[in-house]
All heavy atoms as atom14 arrays in JSON, in Angstrom:
{
  "sequence": "NIPRVPVTRRPEVALISTGDELMMPGGTPGPDQIIASNTFGLKAM",
  "atom14_mask": [
    [1, 1, 1, 1, 1, 1, 1, 1, 0, 0, 0, 0, 0, 0],
    [1, 1, 1, 1, 1, 1, 1, 1, 0, 0, 0, 0, 0, 0],
    [1, 1, 1, 1, 1, 1, 1, 0, 0, 0, 0, 0, 0, 0],
    [1, 1, 1, 1, 1, 1, 1, 1, 1, 1, 1, 0, 0, 0],
    [1, 1, 1, 1, 1, 1, 1, 0, 0, 0, 0, 0, 0, 0],
    [1, 1, 1, 1, 1, 1, 1, 0, 0, 0, 0, 0, 0, 0],
    [1, 1, 1, 1, 1, 1, 1, 0, 0, 0, 0, 0, 0, 0],
    [1, 1, 1, 1, 1, 1, 1, 0, 0, 0, 0, 0, 0, 0],
    [1, 1, 1, 1, 1, 1, 1, 1, 1, 1, 1, 0, 0, 0],
    [1, 1, 1, 1, 1, 1, 1, 1, 1, 1, 1, 0, 0, 0],
    [1, 1, 1, 1, 1, 1, 1, 0, 0, 0, 0, 0, 0, 0],
    [1, 1, 1, 1, 1, 1, 1, 1, 1, 0, 0, 0, 0, 0],
    [1, 1, 1, 1, 1, 1, 1, 0, 0, 0, 0, 0, 0, 0],
    [1, 1, 1, 1, 1, 0, 0, 0, 0, 0, 0, 0, 0, 0],
    [1, 1, 1, 1, 1, 1, 1, 1, 0, 0, 0, 0, 0, 0],
    [1, 1, 1, 1, 1, 1, 1, 1, 0, 0, 0, 0, 0, 0],
    [1, 1, 1, 1, 1, 1, 0, 0, 0, 0, 0, 0, 0, 0],
    [1, 1, 1, 1, 1, 1, 1, 0, 0, 0, 0, 0, 0, 0],
    [1, 1, 1, 1, 0, 0, 0, 0, 0, 0, 0, 0, 0, 0],
    [1, 1, 1, 1, 1, 1, 1, 1, 0, 0, 0, 0, 0, 0],
    [1, 1, 1, 1, 1, 1, 1, 1, 1, 0, 0, 0, 0, 0],
    [1, 1, 1, 1, 1, 1, 1, 1, 0, 0, 0, 0, 0, 0],
    [1, 1, 1, 1, 1, 1, 1, 1, 0, 0, 0, 0, 0, 0],
    [1, 1, 1, 1, 1, 1, 1, 1, 0, 0, 0, 0, 0, 0],
    [1, 1, 1, 1, 1, 1, 1, 0, 0, 0, 0, 0, 0, 0],
    [1, 1, 1, 1, 0, 0, 0, 0, 0, 0, 0, 0, 0, 0],
    [1, 1, 1, 1, 0, 0, 0, 0, 0, 0, 0, 0, 0, 0],
    [1, 1, 1, 1, 1, 1, 1, 0, 0, 0, 0, 0, 0, 0],
    [1, 1, 1, 1, 1, 1, 1, 0, 0, 0, 0, 0, 0, 0],
    [1, 1, 1, 1, 0, 0, 0, 0, 0, 0, 0, 0, 0, 0],
    [1, 1, 1, 1, 1, 1, 1, 0, 0, 0, 0, 0, 0, 0],
    [1, 1, 1, 1, 1, 1, 1, 1, 0, 0, 0, 0, 0, 0],
    [1, 1, 1, 1, 1, 1, 1, 1, 1, 0, 0, 0, 0, 0],
    [1, 1, 1, 1, 1, 1, 1, 1, 0, 0, 0, 0, 0, 0],
    [1, 1, 1, 1, 1, 1, 1, 1, 0, 0, 0, 0, 0, 0],
    [1, 1, 1, 1, 1, 0, 0, 0, 0, 0, 0, 0, 0, 0],
    [1, 1, 1, 1, 1, 1, 0, 0, 0, 0, 0, 0, 0, 0],
    [1, 1, 1, 1, 1, 1, 1, 1, 0, 0, 0, 0, 0, 0],
    [1, 1, 1, 1, 1, 1, 1, 0, 0, 0, 0, 0, 0, 0],
    [1, 1, 1, 1, 1, 1, 1, 1, 1, 1, 1, 0, 0, 0],
    [1, 1, 1, 1, 0, 0, 0, 0, 0, 0, 0, 0, 0, 0],
    [1, 1, 1, 1, 1, 1, 1, 1, 0, 0, 0, 0, 0, 0],
    [1, 1, 1, 1, 1, 1, 1, 1, 1, 0, 0, 0, 0, 0],
    [1, 1, 1, 1, 1, 0, 0, 0, 0, 0, 0, 0, 0, 0],
    [1, 1, 1, 1, 1, 1, 1, 1, 0, 0, 0, 0, 0, 0]
  ],
  "atom14_positions": [
    [[0.8, -1.22, 0.03], [0.02, 0.04, 0.03], [0.87, 1.26, 0.04], [0.54, 2.28, 0.69], [-1.02, -0.02, 1.15], [-2.07, 0.95, 0.98], [-2.51, 1.29, -0.16], [-2.71, 1.41, 2.23], [0.0, 0.0, 0.0], [0.0, 0.0, 0.0], [0.0, 0.0, 0.0], [0.0, 0.0, 0.0], [0.0, 0.0, 0.0], [0.0, 0.0, 0.0]],
    [[1.94, 1.22, -0.8], [2.82, 2.27, -0.88], [2.69, 2.94, -2.36], [3.04, 2.31, -3.26], [4.27, 1.87, -0.6], [4.41, 1.48, 0.87], [5.16, 3.11, -0.92], [5.78, 0.79, 1.05], [0.0, 0.0, 0.0], [0.0, 0.0, 0.0], [0.0, 0.0, 0.0], [0.0, 0.0, 0.0], [0.0, 0.0, 0.0], [0.0, 0.0, 0.0]],
    [[2.01, 4.15, -2.46], [1.81, 4.72, -3.76], [2.92, 5.51, -4.45], [2.89, 5.69, -5.55], [0.62, 5.62, -3.55], [0.74, 6.07, -2.1], [1.45, 4.88, -1.4], [0.0, 0.0, 0.0], [0.0, 0.0, 0.0], [0.0, 0.0, 0.0], [0.0, 0.0, 0.0], [0.0, 0.0, 0.0], [0.0, 0.0, 0.0], [0.0, 0.0, 0.0]],
    [[3.79, 5.99, -3.6], [4.99, 6.88, -4.03], [6.17, 6.38, -3.26], [6.19, 5.87, -2.15], [4.71, 8.39, -3.89], [3.48, 8.88, -4.64], [3.23, 10.39, -4.3], [4.35, 11.16, -4.82], [4.32, 11.55, -6.0], [3.49, 11.22, -7.08], [5.45, 12.26, -6.55], [0.0, 0.0, 0.0], [0.0, 0.0, 0.0], [0.0, 0.0, 0.0]],
    [[7.39, 6.54, -3.96], [8.65, 6.06, -3.31], [9.73, 7.12, -3.61], [9.65, 7.67, -4.73], [9.06, 4.58, -3.96], [8.05, 3.57, -3.46], [9.1, 4.68, -5.51], [0.0, 0.0, 0.0], [0.0, 0.0, 0.0], [0.0, 0.0, 0.0], [0.0, 0.0, 0.0], [0.0, 0.0, 0.0], [0.0, 0.0, 0.0], [0.0, 0.0, 0.0]],
    [[10.61, 7.08, -2.64], [11.76, 8.05, -2.77], [12.84, 7.29, -3.57], [13.29, 6.15, -3.25], [12.13, 8.21, -1.35], [11.77, 7.06, -0.58], [10.48, 6.67, -1.25], [0.0, 0.0, 0.0], [0.0, 0.0, 0.0], [0.0, 0.0, 0.0], [0.0, 0.0, 0.0], [0.0, 0.0, 0.0], [0.0, 0.0, 0.0], [0.0, 0.0, 0.0]],
    [[13.37, 7.81, -4.61], [14.28, 7.37, -5.42], [15.51, 8.33, -5.67], [15.39, 9.5, -5.55], [13.85, 6.83, -6.84], [12.8, 5.77, -6.71], [13.28, 7.95, -7.61], [0.0, 0.0, 0.0], [0.0, 0.0, 0.0], [0.0, 0.0, 0.0], [0.0, 0.0, 0.0], [0.0, 0.0, 0.0], [0.0, 0.0, 0.0], [0.0, 0.0, 0.0]],
    [[16.68, 7.82, -5.98], [17.88, 8.65, -6.33], [17.69, 9.16, -7.65], [17.26, 8.57, -8.58], [19.09, 7.81, -6.3], [19.26, 7.26, -4.99], [20.34, 8.75, -6.43], [0.0, 0.0, 0.0], [0.0, 0.0, 0.0], [0.0, 0.0, 0.0], [0.0, 0.0, 0.0], [0.0, 0.0, 0.0], [0.0, 0.0, 0.0], [0.0, 0.0, 0.0]],
    [[17.93, 10.48, -7.79], [17.62, 11.11, -9.0], [18.67, 10.5, -10.13], [19.83, 10.16, -9.74], [18.11, 12.72, -9.03], [18.02, 13.38, -10.32], [18.18, 14.93, -10.17], [19.49, 15.29, -9.66], [20.62, 15.39, -10.39], [20.68, 15.08, -11.73], [21.77, 15.64, -9.88], [0.0, 0.0, 0.0], [0.0, 0.0, 0.0], [0.0, 0.0, 0.0]],
    [[18.11, 10.4, -11.27], [18.99, 9.72, -12.34], [20.19, 10.73, -12.72], [19.89, 11.95, -12.96], [18.16, 9.54, -13.73], [17.16, 8.53, -13.58], [16.54, 8.32, -14.84], [15.42, 7.49, -14.94], [15.35, 6.1, -15.04], [16.46, 5.5, -15.03], [14.21, 5.43, -15.08], [0.0, 0.0, 0.0], [0.0, 0.0, 0.0], [0.0, 0.0, 0.0]],
    [[21.42, 10.25, -12.89], [22.44, 11.21, -13.25], [22.26, 11.62, -14.69], [21.82, 10.95, -15.58], [23.69, 10.14, -13.24], [23.28, 9.01, -12.3], [21.81, 8.85, -12.51], [0.0, 0.0, 0.0], [0.0, 0.0, 0.0], [0.0, 0.0, 0.0], [0.0, 0.0, 0.0], [0.0, 0.0, 0.0], [0.0, 0.0, 0.0], [0.0, 0.0, 0.0]],
    [[22.51, 12.95, -14.79], [22.42, 13.55, -16.3], [23.72, 13.46, -16.82], [24.8, 14.08, -16.24], [22.01, 14.98, -16.18], [20.58, 15.15, -15.52], [19.4, 14.89, -16.61], [19.86, 14.81, -17.73], [18.28, 14.71, -16.21], [0.0, 0.0, 0.0], [0.0, 0.0, 0.0], [0.0, 0.0, 0.0], [0.0, 0.0, 0.0], [0.0, 0.0, 0.0]],
    [[23.84, 12.81, -17.99], [25.19, 12.78, -18.72], [25.12, 13.32, -20.1], [24.24, 13.17, -20.79], [25.44, 11.2, -18.96], [27.0, 11.01, -19.58], [25.44, 10.4, -17.63], [0.0, 0.0, 0.0], [0.0, 0.0, 0.0], [0.0, 0.0, 0.0], [0.0, 0.0, 0.0], [0.0, 0.0, 0.0], [0.0, 0.0, 0.0], [0.0, 0.0, 0.0]],
    [[26.09, 14.2, -20.31], [26.24, 14.9, -21.58], [27.28, 14.25, -22.4], [28.34, 14.05, -22.01], [26.68, 16.27, -21.45], [0.0, 0.0, 0.0], [0.0, 0.0, 0.0], [0.0, 0.0, 0.0], [0.0, 0.0, 0.0], [0.0, 0.0, 0.0], [0.0, 0.0, 0.0], [0.0, 0.0, 0.0], [0.0, 0.0, 0.0], [0.0, 0.0, 0.0]],
    [[26.91, 13.72, -23.58], [27.85, 13.04, -24.5], [28.27, 13.89, -25.65], [27.44, 14.47, -26.34], [27.18, 11.75, -25.04], [26.81, 10.75, -24.03], [25.83, 9.67, -24.73], [28.01, 10.03, -23.56], [0.0, 0.0, 0.0], [0.0, 0.0, 0.0], [0.0, 0.0, 0.0], [0.0, 0.0, 0.0], [0.0, 0.0, 0.0], [0.0, 0.0, 0.0]],
    [[29.53, 14.07, -25.78], [30.19, 15.02, -26.9], [31.17, 14.15, -27.72], [32.2, 13.8, -27.21], [30.96, 16.19, -26.25], [30.04, 16.95, -25.29], [31.47, 17.05, -27.32], [30.78, 17.92, -24.54], [0.0, 0.0, 0.0], [0.0, 0.0, 0.0], [0.0, 0.0, 0.0], [0.0, 0.0, 0.0], [0.0, 0.0, 0.0], [0.0, 0.0, 0.0]],
    [[30.72, 14.02, -29.02], [31.67, 13.27, -29.89], [32.56, 14.43, -30.56], [32.06, 15.61, -30.86], [30.94, 12.57, -31.0], [30.61, 11.35, -30.47], [0.0, 0.0, 0.0], [0.0, 0.0, 0.0], [0.0, 0.0, 0.0], [0.0, 0.0, 0.0], [0.0, 0.0, 0.0], [0.0, 0.0, 0.0], [0.0, 0.0, 0.0], [0.0, 0.0, 0.0]],
    [[33.72, 14.22, -30.74], [34.55, 15.18, -31.38], [35.34, 14.78, -32.73], [35.64, 13.51, -32.81], [35.75, 15.73, -30.29], [36.7, 14.57, -30.29], [35.14, 15.97, -28.96], [0.0, 0.0, 0.0], [0.0, 0.0, 0.0], [0.0, 0.0, 0.0], [0.0, 0.0, 0.0], [0.0, 0.0, 0.0], [0.0, 0.0, 0.0], [0.0, 0.0, 0.0]],
    [[35.56, 15.65, -33.64], [36.21, 15.25, -34.8], [35.64, 15.76, -36.01], [34.49, 15.69, -36.25], [0.0, 0.0, 0.0], [0.0, 0.0, 0.0], [0.0, 0.0, 0.0], [0.0, 0.0, 0.0], [0.0, 0.0, 0.0], [0.0, 0.0, 0.0], [0.0, 0.0, 0.0], [0.0, 0.0, 0.0], [0.0, 0.0, 0.0], [0.0, 0.0, 0.0]],
    [[36.48, 16.38, -36.93], [35.99, 16.86, -38.14], [35.54, 15.75, -39.15], [34.74, 15.91, -40.09], [37.15, 17.61, -38.87], [37.45, 19.01, -38.24], [36.61, 19.44, -37.59], [38.53, 19.47, -38.61], [0.0, 0.0, 0.0], [0.0, 0.0, 0.0], [0.0, 0.0, 0.0], [0.0, 0.0, 0.0], [0.0, 0.0, 0.0], [0.0, 0.0, 0.0]],
    [[35.98, 14.59, -38.79], [35.65, 13.33, -39.7], [34.26, 12.83, -39.39], [33.85, 12.03, -40.21], [36.74, 12.26, -39.5], [36.62, 11.45, -38.23], [37.12, 12.2, -37.03], [37.45, 13.34, -37.03], [37.39, 11.54, -35.91], [0.0, 0.0, 0.0], [0.0, 0.0, 0.0], [0.0, 0.0, 0.0], [0.0, 0.0, 0.0], [0.0, 0.0, 0.0]],
    [[33.59, 13.3, -38.39], [32.37, 12.68, -37.97], [31.14, 13.44, -38.51], [31.1, 14.56, -38.74], [32.25, 12.79, -36.46], [33.36, 11.94, -35.69], [33.16, 12.15, -34.18], [33.41, 10.45, -36.01], [0.0, 0.0, 0.0], [0.0, 0.0, 0.0], [0.0, 0.0, 0.0], [0.0, 0.0, 0.0], [0.0, 0.0, 0.0], [0.0, 0.0, 0.0]],
    [[30.14, 12.68, -38.71], [28.66, 13.26, -39.07], [27.78, 12.24, -38.42], [27.93, 11.05, -38.25], [28.46, 13.4, -40.52], [28.34, 12.12, -41.41], [27.85, 12.58, -43.03], [26.39, 13.51, -42.77], [0.0, 0.0, 0.0], [0.0, 0.0, 0.0], [0.0, 0.0, 0.0], [0.0, 0.0, 0.0], [0.0, 0.0, 0.0], [0.0, 0.0, 0.0]],
    [[26.52, 12.84, -38.22], [25.39, 12.06, -37.63], [24.84, 10.93, -38.55], [24.94, 11.24, -39.8], [24.26, 13.02, -37.2], [24.6, 13.83, -35.93], [24.86, 12.67, -34.49], [24.7, 14.0, -33.1], [0.0, 0.0, 0.0], [0.0, 0.0, 0.0], [0.0, 0.0, 0.0], [0.0, 0.0, 0.0], [0.0, 0.0, 0.0], [0.0, 0.0, 0.0]],
    [[24.41, 9.98, -37.93], [23.64, 8.91, -38.77], [22.54, 9.49, -39.7], [21.91, 10.42, -39.14], [23.21, 8.01, -37.93], [23.94, 8.09, -36.52], [24.37, 9.59, -36.59], [0.0, 0.0, 0.0], [0.0, 0.0, 0.0], [0.0, 0.0, 0.0], [0.0, 0.0, 0.0], [0.0, 0.0, 0.0], [0.0, 0.0, 0.0], [0.0, 0.0, 0.0]],
    [[22.35, 9.06, -40.83], [21.37, 9.47, -41.67], [21.72, 10.54, -42.82], [20.97, 10.75, -43.72], [0.0, 0.0, 0.0], [0.0, 0.0, 0.0], [0.0, 0.0, 0.0], [0.0, 0.0, 0.0], [0.0, 0.0, 0.0], [0.0, 0.0, 0.0], [0.0, 0.0, 0.0], [0.0, 0.0, 0.0], [0.0, 0.0, 0.0], [0.0, 0.0, 0.0]],
    [[22.92, 11.14, -42.51], [23.49, 12.1, -43.52], [24.14, 11.39, -44.66], [24.24, 10.12, -44.79], [0.0, 0.0, 0.0], [0.0, 0.0, 0.0], [0.0, 0.0, 0.0], [0.0, 0.0, 0.0], [0.0, 0.0, 0.0], [0.0, 0.0, 0.0], [0.0, 0.0, 0.0], [0.0, 0.0, 0.0], [0.0, 0.0, 0.0], [0.0, 0.0, 0.0]],
    [[24.72, 12.26, -45.56], [25.54, 11.68, -46.72], [27.07, 12.15, -46.35], [27.4, 13.28, -46.5], [25.2, 12.37, -47.94], [23.77, 12.17, -48.21], [26.04, 11.82, -49.13], [0.0, 0.0, 0.0], [0.0, 0.0, 0.0], [0.0, 0.0, 0.0], [0.0, 0.0, 0.0], [0.0, 0.0, 0.0], [0.0, 0.0, 0.0], [0.0, 0.0, 0.0]],
    [[27.84, 11.19, -45.76], [29.29, 11.63, -45.48], [30.08, 11.92, -46.73], [29.89, 11.36, -47.75], [29.81, 10.39, -44.88], [28.88, 9.19, -45.28], [27.43, 9.84, -45.54], [0.0, 0.0, 0.0], [0.0, 0.0, 0.0], [0.0, 0.0, 0.0], [0.0, 0.0, 0.0], [0.0, 0.0, 0.0], [0.0, 0.0, 0.0], [0.0, 0.0, 0.0]],
    [[31.04, 12.8, -46.51], [31.91, 13.14, -47.6], [33.02, 11.89, -47.65], [32.94, 11.0, -46.83], [0.0, 0.0, 0.0], [0.0, 0.0, 0.0], [0.0, 0.0, 0.0], [0.0, 0.0, 0.0], [0.0, 0.0, 0.0], [0.0, 0.0, 0.0], [0.0, 0.0, 0.0], [0.0, 0.0, 0.0], [0.0, 0.0, 0.0], [0.0, 0.0, 0.0]],
    [[33.86, 12.05, -48.71], [34.8, 10.82, -48.88], [35.72, 10.64, -47.83], [36.26, 9.57, -47.7], [35.51, 11.52, -50.23], [35.35, 12.99, -50.23], [34.05, 13.14, -49.62], [0.0, 0.0, 0.0], [0.0, 0.0, 0.0], [0.0, 0.0, 0.0], [0.0, 0.0, 0.0], [0.0, 0.0, 0.0], [0.0, 0.0, 0.0], [0.0, 0.0, 0.0]],
    [[36.0, 11.66, -46.85], [36.87, 11.54, -45.73], [36.17, 11.58, -44.4], [36.75, 11.85, -43.41], [37.94, 12.57, -45.87], [37.52, 13.96, -45.85], [36.18, 14.12, -46.01], [38.25, 14.91, -45.76], [0.0, 0.0, 0.0], [0.0, 0.0, 0.0], [0.0, 0.0, 0.0], [0.0, 0.0, 0.0], [0.0, 0.0, 0.0], [0.0, 0.0, 0.0]],
    [[34.89, 11.2, -44.52], [34.06, 11.13, -43.21], [33.53, 9.8, -42.74], [33.45, 8.99, -43.64], [32.84, 12.25, -43.34], [33.32, 13.73, -43.32], [32.1, 14.6, -43.23], [31.25, 14.47, -43.96], [32.16, 15.45, -42.22], [0.0, 0.0, 0.0], [0.0, 0.0, 0.0], [0.0, 0.0, 0.0], [0.0, 0.0, 0.0], [0.0, 0.0, 0.0]],
    [[33.18, 9.63, -41.56], [32.58, 8.44, -41.01], [31.44, 8.86, -40.2], [31.3, 9.93, -39.72], [33.65, 7.58, -40.08], [34.19, 8.47, -39.07], [34.78, 7.08, -40.98], [35.02, 7.68, -38.03], [0.0, 0.0, 0.0], [0.0, 0.0, 0.0], [0.0, 0.0, 0.0], [0.0, 0.0, 0.0], [0.0, 0.0, 0.0], [0.0, 0.0, 0.0]],
    [[30.57, 7.98, -39.89], [29.45, 8.13, -39.09], [29.82, 7.95, -37.53], [30.45, 7.14, -37.1], [28.35, 7.11, -39.36], [28.0, 7.15, -40.84], [27.08, 7.39, -38.54], [27.6, 8.35, -41.28], [0.0, 0.0, 0.0], [0.0, 0.0, 0.0], [0.0, 0.0, 0.0], [0.0, 0.0, 0.0], [0.0, 0.0, 0.0], [0.0, 0.0, 0.0]],
    [[29.28, 8.97, -36.88], [29.4, 9.03, -35.36], [28.57, 7.95, -34.64], [27.38, 8.02, -34.59], [29.05, 10.35, -34.62], [0.0, 0.0, 0.0], [0.0, 0.0, 0.0], [0.0, 0.0, 0.0], [0.0, 0.0, 0.0], [0.0, 0.0, 0.0], [0.0, 0.0, 0.0], [0.0, 0.0, 0.0], [0.0, 0.0, 0.0], [0.0, 0.0, 0.0]],
    [[29.28, 6.81, -34.28], [28.48, 5.74, -33.67], [28.61, 5.78, -32.21], [27.69, 5.16, -31.46], [28.98, 4.38, -34.27], [30.37, 4.35, -34.04], [0.0, 0.0, 0.0], [0.0, 0.0, 0.0], [0.0, 0.0, 0.0], [0.0, 0.0, 0.0], [0.0, 0.0, 0.0], [0.0, 0.0, 0.0], [0.0, 0.0, 0.0], [0.0, 0.0, 0.0]],
    [[29.72, 6.24, -31.71], [30.03, 6.05, -30.15], [28.98, 6.6, -29.3], [28.58, 6.03, -28.26], [31.43, 6.64, -29.94], [32.54, 5.91, -30.52], [32.41, 4.84, -31.03], [33.72, 6.66, -30.72], [0.0, 0.0, 0.0], [0.0, 0.0, 0.0], [0.0, 0.0, 0.0], [0.0, 0.0, 0.0], [0.0, 0.0, 0.0], [0.0, 0.0, 0.0]],
    [[28.57, 7.77, -29.59], [27.58, 8.51, -28.78], [26.29, 7.74, -28.72], [25.61, 7.61, -27.55], [27.33, 9.91, -29.24], [27.23, 9.95, -30.69], [28.36, 10.85, -28.85], [0.0, 0.0, 0.0], [0.0, 0.0, 0.0], [0.0, 0.0, 0.0], [0.0, 0.0, 0.0], [0.0, 0.0, 0.0], [0.0, 0.0, 0.0], [0.0, 0.0, 0.0]],
    [[25.9, 7.14, -29.71], [24.64, 6.29, -29.65], [24.8, 5.05, -28.87], [23.8, 4.61, -28.15], [24.16, 6.12, -31.06], [23.71, 7.28, -31.88], [24.66, 8.06, -32.69], [22.47, 7.7, -31.78], [24.31, 9.18, -33.17], [22.07, 8.92, -32.43], [22.96, 9.69, -33.24], [0.0, 0.0, 0.0], [0.0, 0.0, 0.0], [0.0, 0.0, 0.0]],
    [[25.93, 4.4, -29.12], [26.07, 3.17, -28.28], [26.26, 3.53, -26.74], [25.77, 2.88, -25.89], [0.0, 0.0, 0.0], [0.0, 0.0, 0.0], [0.0, 0.0, 0.0], [0.0, 0.0, 0.0], [0.0, 0.0, 0.0], [0.0, 0.0, 0.0], [0.0, 0.0, 0.0], [0.0, 0.0, 0.0], [0.0, 0.0, 0.0], [0.0, 0.0, 0.0]],
    [[26.95, 4.57, -26.61], [27.16, 4.99, -25.09], [25.89, 5.48, -24.46], [25.61, 5.19, -23.32], [28.24, 6.02, -25.0], [29.66, 5.59, -25.28], [30.6, 6.77, -25.46], [30.23, 4.75, -24.06], [0.0, 0.0, 0.0], [0.0, 0.0, 0.0], [0.0, 0.0, 0.0], [0.0, 0.0, 0.0], [0.0, 0.0, 0.0], [0.0, 0.0, 0.0]],
    [[25.09, 6.13, -25.18], [23.79, 6.6, -24.73], [22.86, 5.35, -24.23], [22.21, 5.4, -23.17], [23.06, 7.45, -25.75], [21.55, 7.86, -25.34], [20.87, 8.64, -26.37], [19.45, 8.79, -26.02], [19.09, 9.54, -24.89], [0.0, 0.0, 0.0], [0.0, 0.0, 0.0], [0.0, 0.0, 0.0], [0.0, 0.0, 0.0], [0.0, 0.0, 0.0]],
    [[22.8, 4.36, -25.2], [22.14, 3.16, -24.85], [22.69, 2.46, -23.6], [21.95, 2.03, -22.65], [22.11, 2.25, -26.12], [0.0, 0.0, 0.0], [0.0, 0.0, 0.0], [0.0, 0.0, 0.0], [0.0, 0.0, 0.0], [0.0, 0.0, 0.0], [0.0, 0.0, 0.0], [0.0, 0.0, 0.0], [0.0, 0.0, 0.0], [0.0, 0.0, 0.0]],
    [[23.99, 2.47, -23.45], [24.56, 1.71, -22.4], [24.37, 2.51, -21.03], [24.05, 1.96, -20.02], [26.25, 1.69, -22.64], [27.0, 1.13, -21.6], [28.76, 1.25, -21.75], [28.99, 0.08, -23.06], [0.0, 0.0, 0.0], [0.0, 0.0, 0.0], [0.0, 0.0, 0.0], [0.0, 0.0, 0.0], [0.0, 0.0, 0.0], [0.0, 0.0, 0.0]]
  ]
}
C-alpha cells in the first residue's frame, strides 16, 4: 500500500563526440568522413 517512493535522481550525462571526420547517422558523409556511432552506443549503455 505504498503509492509513491523516494528514489535517487538519475544522473544527467552529456555526450560529446569530437572530430572533423564525424557526421550524424542519416546524412551523406563526404569521402573522408565516417558516421558518429560512439555516442549512440554509449547513450544506450
